[in-house]
Amino acid sequence: METLIAKAKAGDREAFAKIVREKQRLVLHLAAGYLGWRDAEDAAQVIWTVVWRKLWQVEDPHRFDQWLKTLVFHHCLNLRKARARYRNREAQLAPESWLSLAECVAADSCTLEDLLVSRELRSLLSRELDALPGDYGLLLRMHYCNDLNYRQIAELSGLPQSTLKWRLHQGRALLKSSLAKHFAYLDIRR
């Protein structure tokens, strides 16, 4: 890999193509974990153009994988932030959906899992995660949706584990606060 990286840094497109072939699966899987499979291929193509432009930044070829993972992480984070800016943040659940949710909770006839499976609630949760400032939403998705542990997330994001744990704690608090406004009238206490 060292030789390929050195050649690619010198402008050898064939060496770069070999790097892409060797690392494409890694990039695709990481992007899918952050963005979902639907957007992963498009993101991967853009990421590879960024890799070509920024390859000169790789000082230690042994750390290329970490550099690449960090680049993927930041690209996906920026993409999610851009999407969140253009989403309609005022979208609310239909009143009839709230009524059925409230009835379900009041009657204690459904489990928490039943509630979370609801398409509208997943959509609400996704919008609220996207609306969180900074990288909080992405870090929460990585931990809770992608089942990545602290070490894995720290490696991908370049954050120290202590900082990561604090951001997850803060992210949960922000998410709880943003979701509370949607469920305030249900008077659900935990």
Protein backbone atom coordinates (compact mmCIF):
# COMPACT_ATOMS: atom_id res chain seq x y z
CA MET A 1 0.00 0.00 0.00
CA GLU A 2 2.88 2.37 0.76
CA THR A 3 4.15 2.17 -2.81
CA LEU A 4 0.68 2.74 -4.25
CA ILE A 5 0.14 5.77 -2.04
CA ALA A 6 3.53 7.24 -2.99
CA LYS A 7 2.80 6.73 -6.70
CA ALA A 8 -0.72 8.15 -6.39
CA LYS A 9 0.63 11.21 -4.54
CA ALA A 10 2.99 11.70 -7.48
CA GLY A 11 -0.02 11.74 -9.83
CA ASP A 12 -0.13 8.09 -10.96
CA ARG A 13 -3.82 7.52 -11.75
CA GLU A 14 -3.36 3.78 -12.15
CA ALA A 15 -1.95 3.50 -8.63
CA PHE A 16 -4.88 5.56 -7.36
CA ALA A 17 -7.33 3.26 -9.18
CA LYS A 18 -5.76 0.31 -7.38
CA ILE A 19 -6.20 2.06 -4.03
CA VAL A 20 -9.84 2.73 -4.89
CA ARG A 21 -10.42 -0.93 -5.80
CA GLU A 22 -8.79 -2.07 -2.58
CA LYS A 23 -10.56 0.38 -0.26
CA GLN A 24 -13.90 0.90 -2.05
CA ARG A 25 -15.74 -1.60 0.11
CA LEU A 26 -14.53 0.06 3.31
CA VAL A 27 -15.63 3.51 2.11
CA LEU A 28 -19.00 2.21 0.94
CA HIS A 29 -19.75 0.43 4.22
CA LEU A 30 -18.73 3.43 6.32
CA ALA A 31 -20.82 5.81 4.21
CA ALA A 32 -23.80 3.45 4.40
CA GLY A 33 -23.47 3.35 8.16
CA TYR A 34 -23.61 7.14 8.36
CA LEU A 35 -26.08 7.89 5.57
CA GLY A 36 -27.92 4.69 4.70
CA TRP A 37 -27.39 2.48 1.67
CA ARG A 38 -29.53 4.67 -0.58
CA ASP A 39 -27.01 7.52 -0.44
CA ALA A 40 -23.82 5.56 0.16
CA GLU A 41 -22.75 5.06 -3.46
CA ASP A 42 -23.16 8.72 -4.37
CA ALA A 43 -21.28 9.76 -1.25
CA ALA A 44 -18.50 7.24 -1.97
CA GLN A 45 -17.98 8.70 -5.45
CA VAL A 46 -17.64 12.20 -4.05
CA ILE A 47 -15.37 10.95 -1.28
CA TRP A 48 -12.98 9.41 -3.81
CA THR A 49 -12.70 12.73 -5.66
CA VAL A 50 -11.86 14.38 -2.33
CA VAL A 51 -9.30 11.65 -1.59
CA TRP A 52 -7.61 12.32 -4.95
CA ARG A 53 -7.45 16.08 -4.22
CA LYS A 54 -6.24 15.67 -0.63
CA LEU A 55 -3.97 12.66 -0.96
CA TRP A 56 -0.95 14.93 -0.56
CA GLN A 57 -1.98 15.33 3.11
CA VAL A 58 -1.15 11.69 3.89
CA GLU A 59 2.19 11.90 5.66
CA ASP A 60 2.36 8.36 7.03
CA PRO A 61 1.16 5.66 4.60
CA HIS A 62 0.69 3.30 7.56
CA ARG A 63 -2.06 5.62 8.82
CA PHE A 64 -3.83 5.85 5.45
CA ASP A 65 -6.83 3.79 6.60
CA GLN A 66 -7.36 6.05 9.62
CA TRP A 67 -6.99 9.14 7.44
CA LEU A 68 -9.52 7.71 4.97
CA LYS A 69 -12.01 6.78 7.71
CA THR A 70 -11.75 10.27 9.19
CA LEU A 71 -12.28 11.84 5.77
CA VAL A 72 -15.39 9.67 5.21
CA PHE A 73 -16.72 10.59 8.65
CA HIS A 74 -16.32 14.33 8.08
CA HIS A 75 -17.75 14.21 4.56
CA CYS A 76 -20.84 12.36 5.78
CA LEU A 77 -21.19 14.71 8.74
CA ASN A 78 -21.08 17.73 6.42
CA LEU A 79 -23.59 16.12 4.07
CA ARG A 80 -25.99 15.45 6.94
CA LYS A 81 -25.63 19.05 8.15
CA ALA A 82 -26.37 20.38 4.67
CA ARG A 83 -29.47 18.21 4.40
CA ALA A 84 -30.69 19.30 7.81
CA ARG A 85 -30.52 22.96 6.78
CA TYR A 86 -32.94 22.36 3.92
CA ARG A 87 -35.39 20.08 5.71
CA ASN A 88 -38.66 21.37 6.91
CA ARG A 89 -38.12 21.47 10.64
CA GLU A 90 -41.66 22.51 11.33
CA ALA A 91 -43.17 19.21 10.16
CA GLN A 92 -45.51 17.79 12.73
CA LEU A 93 -47.28 14.48 13.03
CA ALA A 94 -50.87 14.41 11.81
CA PRO A 95 -53.35 14.99 14.68
CA GLU A 96 -54.95 11.58 14.13
CA SER A 97 -51.55 9.96 14.59
CA TRP A 98 -51.06 11.76 17.88
CA LEU A 99 -54.49 10.62 19.00
CA SER A 100 -53.76 6.98 18.22
CA LEU A 101 -50.37 7.25 19.91
CA ALA A 102 -51.91 8.87 22.99
CA GLU A 103 -54.63 6.21 23.12
CA CYS A 104 -52.05 3.45 22.81
CA VAL A 105 -49.95 4.89 25.61
CA ALA A 106 -52.95 5.64 27.84
CA ALA A 107 -54.40 2.16 27.40
CA ASP A 108 -50.99 0.61 27.98
CA SER A 109 -51.84 -1.64 25.04
CA CYS A 110 -48.57 -1.37 23.18
CA THR A 111 -44.95 -1.79 24.05
CA LEU A 112 -42.29 0.85 23.66
CA GLU A 113 -40.98 -1.17 20.73
CA ASP A 114 -44.39 -0.92 19.04
CA LEU A 115 -44.24 2.84 19.43
CA LEU A 116 -40.72 3.11 18.05
CA VAL A 117 -41.56 1.02 15.00
CA SER A 118 -44.08 3.61 13.91
CA ARG A 119 -42.94 5.15 10.65
CA GLU A 120 -43.94 8.64 11.69
CA LEU A 121 -42.10 8.41 14.97
CA ARG A 122 -38.97 7.18 13.22
CA SER A 123 -39.30 10.09 10.83
CA LEU A 124 -39.70 12.52 13.73
CA LEU A 125 -36.69 11.03 15.50
CA SER A 126 -34.63 11.26 12.31
CA ARG A 127 -35.57 14.92 11.81
CA GLU A 128 -34.73 15.74 15.41
CA LEU A 129 -31.38 13.95 15.17
CA ASP A 130 -30.61 15.90 11.98
CA ALA A 131 -31.55 19.16 13.69
CA LEU A 132 -29.12 18.67 16.59
CA PRO A 133 -26.15 21.04 16.45
CA GLY A 134 -22.67 19.94 15.48
CA ASP A 135 -21.97 16.24 15.27
CA TYR A 136 -24.34 15.19 18.07
CA GLY A 137 -26.91 13.59 15.76
CA LEU A 138 -24.33 11.65 13.79
CA LEU A 139 -22.57 10.41 16.93
CA LEU A 140 -25.89 9.26 18.43
CA ARG A 141 -26.76 7.43 15.20
CA MET A 142 -23.36 5.75 15.14
CA HIS A 143 -23.75 4.53 18.71
CA TYR A 144 -27.43 3.62 18.86
CA CYS A 145 -28.40 2.88 15.25
CA ASN A 146 -25.17 1.38 13.95
CA ASP A 147 -24.23 -0.32 17.24
CA LEU A 148 -20.69 1.05 17.20
CA ASN A 149 -18.91 1.06 20.55
CA TYR A 150 -16.97 4.02 21.99
CA ARG A 151 -13.63 2.77 20.71
CA GLN A 152 -14.93 2.35 17.15
CA ILE A 153 -16.58 5.76 17.08
CA ALA A 154 -13.51 7.42 18.60
CA GLU A 155 -11.34 5.83 15.93
CA LEU A 156 -13.62 6.94 13.10
CA SER A 157 -14.27 10.45 14.38
CA GLY A 158 -10.79 11.17 15.72
CA LEU A 159 -12.28 12.18 19.07
CA PRO A 160 -10.82 11.05 22.40
CA GLN A 161 -13.16 8.58 24.14
CA SER A 162 -13.74 10.95 27.06
CA THR A 163 -14.87 13.70 24.66
CA LEU A 164 -17.01 11.23 22.76
CA LYS A 165 -18.76 10.03 25.93
CA TRP A 166 -19.45 13.63 26.91
CA ARG A 167 -20.84 14.47 23.46
CA LEU A 168 -23.09 11.40 23.55
CA HIS A 169 -24.31 12.47 26.99
CA GLN A 170 -24.93 16.03 25.77
CA GLY A 171 -26.51 14.74 22.54
CA ARG A 172 -28.97 12.58 24.50
CA ALA A 173 -29.91 15.56 26.66
CA LEU A 174 -30.43 17.78 23.60
CA LEU A 175 -32.47 15.08 21.86
CA LYS A 176 -34.60 14.53 24.95
CA SER A 177 -35.27 18.25 25.15
CA SER A 178 -36.17 18.56 21.46
CA LEU A 179 -38.46 15.53 21.61
CA ALA A 180 -40.13 16.77 24.80
CA LYS A 181 -41.84 19.60 22.93
CA HIS A 182 -43.60 17.03 20.73
CA PHE A 183 -44.76 14.87 23.63
CA ALA A 184 -45.31 17.46 26.38
CA TYR A 185 -49.08 17.08 26.48
CA LEU A 186 -48.85 13.32 27.01
CA ASP A 187 -47.35 13.89 30.47
CA ILE A 188 -45.03 10.90 30.16
CA ARG A 189 -42.48 10.90 32.97
CA ARG A 190 -39.43 8.71 33.30
